[in-house]
PDB file of N, CA and C in Angstrom:
ATOM      1  N   MET A   1      11.675  -9.333   5.710  1.00  0.00           N
ATOM      2  CA  MET A   1      10.721  -9.036   5.014  1.00  0.00           C
ATOM      3  C   MET A   1      10.443  -7.520   4.902  1.00  0.00           C
ATOM      4  N   LYS A   2      10.150  -7.092   4.161  1.00  0.00           N
ATOM      5  CA  LYS A   2       9.643  -5.497   3.820  1.00  0.00           C
ATOM      6  C   LYS A   2       8.438  -5.213   3.345  1.00  0.00           C
ATOM      7  N   VAL A   3       7.929  -3.939   3.642  1.00  0.00           N
ATOM      8  CA  VAL A   3       6.664  -3.721   2.968  1.00  0.00           C
ATOM      9  C   VAL A   3       6.613  -2.432   2.428  1.00  0.00           C
ATOM     10  N   ASP A   4       5.857  -2.282   1.375  1.00  0.00           N
ATOM     11  CA  ASP A   4       5.782  -1.127   0.570  1.00  0.00           C
ATOM     12  C   ASP A   4       4.569  -0.257   1.073  1.00  0.00           C
ATOM     13  N   GLN A   5       4.137   1.010   0.695  1.00  0.00           N
ATOM     14  CA  GLN A   5       3.190   2.045   1.086  1.00  0.00           C
ATOM     15  C   GLN A   5       1.935   1.278   0.525  1.00  0.00           C
ATOM     16  N   GLU A   6       1.749   0.526  -0.319  1.00  0.00           N
ATOM     17  CA  GLU A   6       0.613  -0.088  -0.946  1.00  0.00           C
ATOM     18  C   GLU A   6       0.151  -1.546  -0.190  1.00  0.00           C
ATOM     19  N   GLY A   7       1.049  -1.719   0.855  1.00  0.00           N
ATOM     20  CA  GLY A   7       0.682  -3.004   1.673  1.00  0.00           C
ATOM     21  C   GLY A   7       1.261  -4.223   1.009  1.00  0.00           C
ATOM     22  N   ASN A   8       2.153  -4.292  -0.157  1.00  0.00           N
ATOM     23  CA  ASN A   8       2.656  -5.386  -0.628  1.00  0.00           C
ATOM     24  C   ASN A   8       4.059  -5.838   0.261  1.00  0.00           C
ATOM     25  N   VAL A   9       4.127  -7.095   0.381  1.00  0.00           N
ATOM     26  CA  VAL A   9       5.175  -7.730   1.121  1.00  0.00           C
ATOM     27  C   VAL A   9       6.320  -8.297   0.140  1.00  0.00           C
ATOM     28  N   TYR A  10       7.500  -8.047   0.533  1.00  0.00           N
ATOM     29  CA  TYR A  10       8.650  -8.484  -0.307  1.00  0.00           C
ATOM     30  C   TYR A  10       9.381  -9.515   0.796  1.00  0.00           C
ATOM     31  N   CYS A  11       9.519 -10.502   0.390  1.00  0.00           N
ATOM     32  CA  CYS A  11       9.958 -11.804   1.126  1.00  0.00           C
ATOM     33  C   CYS A  11      10.886 -12.608   0.406  1.00  0.00           C
ATOM     34  N   THR A  12      11.833 -13.128   0.984  1.00  0.00           N
ATOM     35  CA  THR A  12      12.812 -14.027   0.643  1.00  0.00           C
ATOM     36  C   THR A  12      12.209 -15.480   0.392  1.00  0.00           C
ATOM     37  N   GLY A  13      12.584 -16.237  -0.471  1.00  0.00           N
ATOM     38  CA  GLY A  13      11.904 -17.532  -0.654  1.00  0.00           C
ATOM     39  C   GLY A  13      12.778 -18.123  -1.739  1.00  0.00           C
ATOM     40  N   PRO A  14      12.378 -19.438  -2.128  1.00  0.00           N
ATOM     41  CA  PRO A  14      13.013 -20.246  -3.152  1.00  0.00           C
ATOM     42  C   PRO A  14      13.006 -19.529  -4.637  1.00  0.00           C
ATOM     43  N   GLY A  15      14.307 -19.226  -4.898  1.00  0.00           N
ATOM     44  CA  GLY A  15      14.514 -18.574  -6.329  1.00  0.00           C
ATOM     45  C   GLY A  15      14.213 -16.953  -6.141  1.00  0.00           C
ATOM     46  N   GLY A  16      14.386 -16.446  -5.063  1.00  0.00           N
ATOM     47  CA  GLY A  16      14.386 -15.003  -5.061  1.00  0.00           C
ATOM     48  C   GLY A  16      13.493 -14.365  -4.122  1.00  0.00           C
ATOM     49  N   ILE A  17      13.241 -13.033  -4.363  1.00  0.00           N
ATOM     50  CA  ILE A  17      12.388 -12.329  -3.431  1.00  0.00           C
ATOM     51  C   ILE A  17      10.908 -12.405  -4.306  1.00  0.00           C
ATOM     52  N   HIS A  18       9.990 -12.781  -3.252  1.00  0.00           N
ATOM     53  CA  HIS A  18       8.571 -12.871  -3.734  1.00  0.00           C
ATOM     54  C   HIS A  18       7.680 -11.630  -3.301  1.00  0.00           C
ATOM     55  N   VAL A  19       7.119 -10.940  -4.286  1.00  0.00           N
ATOM     56  CA  VAL A  19       6.397  -9.857  -3.890  1.00  0.00           C
ATOM     57  C   VAL A  19       4.790 -10.471  -3.876  1.00  0.00           C
ATOM     58  N   ILE A  20       4.229 -10.015  -2.788  1.00  0.00           N
ATOM     59  CA  ILE A  20       2.932 -10.599  -2.550  1.00  0.00           C
ATOM     60  C   ILE A  20       1.913  -9.320  -1.929  1.00  0.00           C
ATOM     61  N   ASP A  21       0.766  -9.117  -2.640  1.00  0.00           N
ATOM     62  CA  ASP A  21       0.020  -8.123  -2.289  1.00  0.00           C
ATOM     63  C   ASP A  21      -0.819  -8.355  -0.875  1.00  0.00           C
ATOM     64  N   ARG A  22      -1.562  -7.523  -0.514  1.00  0.00           N
ATOM     65  CA  ARG A  22      -2.143  -7.473   0.858  1.00  0.00           C
ATOM     66  C   ARG A  22      -3.349  -8.756   1.113  1.00  0.00           C
ATOM     67  N   THR A  23      -3.795  -9.158  -0.083  1.00  0.00           N
ATOM     68  CA  THR A  23      -4.755 -10.155  -0.102  1.00  0.00           C
ATOM     69  C   THR A  23      -4.040 -11.515  -0.204  1.00  0.00           C
ATOM     70  N   GLY A  24      -2.800 -11.646  -0.486  1.00  0.00           N
ATOM     71  CA  GLY A  24      -1.931 -12.938  -0.382  1.00  0.00           C
ATOM     72  C   GLY A  24      -1.747 -13.313  -1.925  1.00  0.00           C
ATOM     73  N   LYS A  25      -1.954 -12.548  -3.033  1.00  0.00           N
ATOM     74  CA  LYS A  25      -1.926 -12.920  -4.355  1.00  0.00           C
ATOM     75  C   LYS A  25      -0.437 -12.696  -4.615  1.00  0.00           C
ATOM     76  N   LYS A  26       0.275 -13.607  -5.282  1.00  0.00           N
ATOM     77  CA  LYS A  26       1.768 -13.449  -5.614  1.00  0.00           C
ATOM     78  C   LYS A  26       1.829 -12.409  -7.009  1.00  0.00           C
ATOM     79  N   LEU A  27       2.453 -11.224  -6.840  1.00  0.00           N
ATOM     80  CA  LEU A  27       2.429 -10.391  -7.655  1.00  0.00           C
ATOM     81  C   LEU A  27       3.764 -10.643  -8.853  1.00  0.00           C
ATOM     82  N   GLY A  28       4.730 -11.282  -8.309  1.00  0.00           N
ATOM     83  CA  GLY A  28       5.918 -11.492  -8.981  1.00  0.00           C
ATOM     84  C   GLY A  28       7.176 -11.946  -8.147  1.00  0.00           C
ATOM     85  N   ARG A  29       8.139 -12.316  -8.877  1.00  0.00           N
ATOM     86  CA  ARG A  29       9.399 -12.554  -8.027  1.00  0.00           C
ATOM     87  C   ARG A  29      10.504 -11.775  -8.624  1.00  0.00           C
ATOM     88  N   ILE A  30      11.574 -11.440  -7.975  1.00  0.00           N
ATOM     89  CA  ILE A  30      12.827 -11.036  -8.476  1.00  0.00           C
ATOM     90  C   ILE A  30      13.794 -12.114  -8.190  1.00  0.00           C
ATOM     91  N   ARG A  31      14.121 -12.447  -9.244  1.00  0.00           N
ATOM     92  CA  ARG A  31      14.949 -13.774  -9.476  1.00  0.00           C
ATOM     93  C   ARG A  31      16.481 -13.254  -9.015  1.00  0.00           C
ATOM     94  N   LEU A  32      16.923 -13.879  -7.753  1.00  0.00           N
ATOM     95  CA  LEU A  32      18.041 -13.777  -7.270  1.00  0.00           C
ATOM     96  C   LEU A  32      18.412 -14.866  -6.313  1.00  0.00           C
ATOM     97  N   MET A  33      19.800 -15.297  -6.264  1.00  0.00           N
ATOM     98  CA  MET A  33      20.100 -16.486  -5.717  1.00  0.00           C
ATOM     99  C   MET A  33      20.926 -15.871  -4.373  1.00  0.00           C
ATOM    100  N   LEU A  34      20.555 -16.534  -3.043  1.00  0.00           N
ATOM    101  CA  LEU A  34      21.303 -16.508  -1.990  1.00  0.00           C
ATOM    102  C   LEU A  34      21.192 -15.065  -1.535  1.00  0.00           C
ATOM    103  N   THR A  35      19.971 -14.469  -1.383  1.00  0.00           N
ATOM    104  CA  THR A  35      19.473 -13.078  -0.839  1.00  0.00           C
ATOM    105  C   THR A  35      19.790 -13.206   0.707  1.00  0.00           C
ATOM    106  N   THR A  36      20.647 -12.027   1.083  1.00  0.00           N
ATOM    107  CA  THR A  36      21.152 -11.975   2.537  1.00  0.00           C
ATOM    108  C   THR A  36      20.351 -10.944   3.149  1.00  0.00           C
ATOM    109  N   ASN A  37      19.823 -10.022   2.478  1.00  0.00           N
ATOM    110  CA  ASN A  37      19.198  -8.767   3.230  1.00  0.00           C
ATOM    111  C   ASN A  37      18.465  -7.957   2.058  1.00  0.00           C
ATOM    112  N   MET A  38      17.576  -6.806   2.519  1.00  0.00           N
ATOM    113  CA  MET A  38      17.074  -6.031   1.546  1.00  0.00           C
ATOM    114  C   MET A  38      16.401  -4.934   2.137  1.00  0.00           C
ATOM    115  N   CYS A  39      16.350  -3.661   1.637  1.00  0.00           N
ATOM    116  CA  CYS A  39      15.756  -2.593   2.334  1.00  0.00           C
ATOM    117  C   CYS A  39      15.447  -1.609   1.410  1.00  0.00           C
ATOM    118  N   PHE A  40      14.397  -0.704   1.567  1.00  0.00           N
ATOM    119  CA  PHE A  40      14.050   0.483   0.760  1.00  0.00           C
ATOM    120  C   PHE A  40      14.908   1.735   1.054  1.00  0.00           C
ATOM    121  N   GLY A  41      15.170   2.511   0.125  1.00  0.00           N
ATOM    122  CA  GLY A  41      16.034   3.613   0.575  1.00  0.00           C
ATOM    123  C   GLY A  41      16.059   4.874  -0.200  1.00  0.00           C
ATOM    124  N   GLU A  42      17.063   5.903  -0.279  1.00  0.00           N
ATOM    125  CA  GLU A  42      17.008   7.067  -0.889  1.00  0.00           C
ATOM    126  C   GLU A  42      15.867   8.027  -0.445  1.00  0.00           C
ATOM    127  N   ASP A  43      15.893   9.180  -0.839  1.00  0.00           N
ATOM    128  CA  ASP A  43      14.841  10.229  -0.247  1.00  0.00           C
ATOM    129  C   ASP A  43      13.541  10.029  -0.518  1.00  0.00           C
ATOM    130  N   ASP A  44      13.233   9.359  -1.561  1.00  0.00           N
ATOM    131  CA  ASP A  44      11.736   8.958  -1.841  1.00  0.00           C
ATOM    132  C   ASP A  44      11.345   7.560  -1.678  1.00  0.00           C
ATOM    133  N   TRP A  45      12.270   6.857  -0.976  1.00  0.00           N
ATOM    134  CA  TRP A  45      11.991   5.400  -0.470  1.00  0.00           C
ATOM    135  C   TRP A  45      11.647   4.537  -1.587  1.00  0.00           C
ATOM    136  N   LYS A  46      11.986   5.199  -2.959  1.00  0.00           N
ATOM    137  CA  LYS A  46      11.662   4.078  -4.174  1.00  0.00           C
ATOM    138  C   LYS A  46      12.765   3.331  -4.589  1.00  0.00           C
ATOM    139  N   THR A  47      13.877   3.418  -3.996  1.00  0.00           N
ATOM    140  CA  THR A  47      14.934   2.405  -4.371  1.00  0.00           C
ATOM    141  C   THR A  47      14.974   1.260  -3.366  1.00  0.00           C
ATOM    142  N   PHE A  48      15.075  -0.091  -4.075  1.00  0.00           N
ATOM    143  CA  PHE A  48      15.185  -1.075  -3.285  1.00  0.00           C
ATOM    144  C   PHE A  48      16.483  -1.706  -3.303  1.00  0.00           C
ATOM    145  N   PHE A  49      17.200  -1.757  -2.160  1.00  0.00           N
ATOM    146  CA  PHE A  49      18.606  -2.661  -2.001  1.00  0.00           C
ATOM    147  C   PHE A  49      18.402  -3.951  -1.733  1.00  0.00           C
ATOM    148  N   VAL A  50      19.147  -4.845  -2.432  1.00  0.00           N
ATOM    149  CA  VAL A  50      19.342  -6.275  -2.008  1.00  0.00           C
ATOM    150  C   VAL A  50      20.858  -6.700  -1.909  1.00  0.00           C
ATOM    151  N   THR A  51      21.075  -7.291  -0.863  1.00  0.00           N
ATOM    152  CA  THR A  51      22.464  -7.869  -0.960  1.00  0.00           C
ATOM    153  C   THR A  51      22.297  -9.437  -1.133  1.00  0.00           C
ATOM    154  N   THR A  52      23.263 -10.042  -1.585  1.00  0.00           N
ATOM    155  CA  THR A  52      23.375 -11.658  -1.803  1.00  0.00           C
ATOM    156  C   THR A  52      24.868 -11.802  -1.178  1.00  0.00           C
ATOM    157  N   ARG A  53      25.328 -12.910  -1.297  1.00  0.00           N
ATOM    158  CA  ARG A  53      26.738 -13.222  -0.652  1.00  0.00           C
ATOM    159  C   ARG A  53      27.929 -12.546  -1.173  1.00  0.00           C
ATOM    160  N   SER A  54      27.751 -12.071  -2.430  1.00  0.00           N
ATOM    161  CA  SER A  54      28.882 -11.461  -3.150  1.00  0.00           C
ATOM    162  C   SER A  54      28.386  -9.983  -3.879  1.00  0.00           C
ATOM    163  N   THR A  55      27.043  -9.743  -3.794  1.00  0.00           N
ATOM    164  CA  THR A  55      26.923  -8.465  -4.690  1.00  0.00           C
ATOM    165  C   THR A  55      25.656  -7.598  -3.891  1.00  0.00           C
ATOM    166  N   VAL A  56      25.734  -6.322  -4.151  1.00  0.00           N
ATOM    167  CA  VAL A  56      24.724  -5.460  -3.861  1.00  0.00           C
ATOM    168  C   VAL A  56      23.811  -5.046  -5.169  1.00  0.00           C
ATOM    169  N   TYR A  57      22.646  -5.115  -4.912  1.00  0.00           N
ATOM    170  CA  TYR A  57      21.688  -4.860  -5.915  1.00  0.00           C
ATOM    171  C   TYR A  57      20.905  -3.454  -5.825  1.00  0.00           C
ATOM    172  N   ARG A  58      20.426  -2.699  -6.739  1.00  0.00           N
ATOM    173  CA  ARG A  58      19.653  -1.614  -6.555  1.00  0.00           C
ATOM    174  C   ARG A  58      18.665  -1.619  -7.753  1.00  0.00           C
ATOM    175  N   PHE A  59      17.559  -1.573  -7.372  1.00  0.00           N
ATOM    176  CA  PHE A  59      16.246  -1.390  -8.344  1.00  0.00           C
ATOM    177  C   PHE A  59      15.295  -0.252  -7.857  1.00  0.00           C
ATOM    178  N   ARG A  60      15.094   0.302  -8.956  1.00  0.00           N
ATOM    179  CA  ARG A  60      13.858   1.515  -8.860  1.00  0.00           C
ATOM    180  C   ARG A  60      12.689   0.848  -8.812  1.00  0.00           C
ATOM    181  N   LEU A  61      11.664   1.295  -7.858  1.00  0.00           N
ATOM    182  CA  LEU A  61      10.251   0.726  -7.952  1.00  0.00           C
ATOM    183  C   LEU A  61       9.181   1.927  -8.167  1.00  0.00           C
ATOM    184  N   ASN A  62       8.153   1.674  -8.432  1.00  0.00           N
ATOM    185  CA  ASN A  62       7.180   2.687  -8.736  1.00  0.00           C
ATOM    186  C   ASN A  62       6.648   2.959  -7.340  1.00  0.00           C
ATOM    187  N   VAL A  63       6.435   2.030  -6.423  1.00  0.00           N
ATOM    188  CA  VAL A  63       6.003   2.313  -5.072  1.00  0.00           C
ATOM    189  C   VAL A  63       6.843   2.561  -4.161  1.00  0.00           C
ATOM    190  N   PRO A  64       6.763   3.521  -3.224  1.00  0.00           N
ATOM    191  CA  PRO A  64       7.807   3.663  -2.044  1.00  0.00           C
ATOM    192  C   PRO A  64       7.718   2.466  -1.124  1.00  0.00           C
ATOM    193  N   GLY A  65       8.615   2.340  -0.406  1.00  0.00           N
ATOM    194  CA  GLY A  65       8.656   1.491   0.915  1.00  0.00           C
ATOM    195  C   GLY A  65       8.251   2.172   1.950  1.00  0.00           C
ATOM    196  N   VAL A  66       7.836   1.435   2.989  1.00  0.00           N
ATOM    197  CA  VAL A  66       7.561   2.227   4.266  1.00  0.00           C
ATOM    198  C   VAL A  66       8.792   2.555   4.977  1.00  0.00           C
ATOM    199  N   PRO A  67       8.920   3.937   5.351  1.00  0.00           N
ATOM    200  CA  PRO A  67      10.068   4.539   6.187  1.00  0.00           C
ATOM    201  C   PRO A  67      10.172   3.847   7.584  1.00  0.00           C
ATOM    202  N   VAL A  68      11.260   3.378   7.775  1.00  0.00           N
ATOM    203  CA  VAL A  68      11.623   2.807   9.168  1.00  0.00           C
ATOM    204  C   VAL A  68      12.646   3.956  10.022  1.00  0.00           C
TER     205      VAL A  68
END
């Protein structure tokens, strides 16, 4: 699980990564199979990296992640 600066949670589940807001409402899903890990990165923390068993994906988001 990862969290962005607005409190949205990114969690793996059936069919990909589910994005849920702080009230529990599902905002959407990033459809990927067999997700193995995910993290926010780059200087502004707005890049979301996701790994699967065979691929690394990179997505640019509007909301930065929480720096760790």
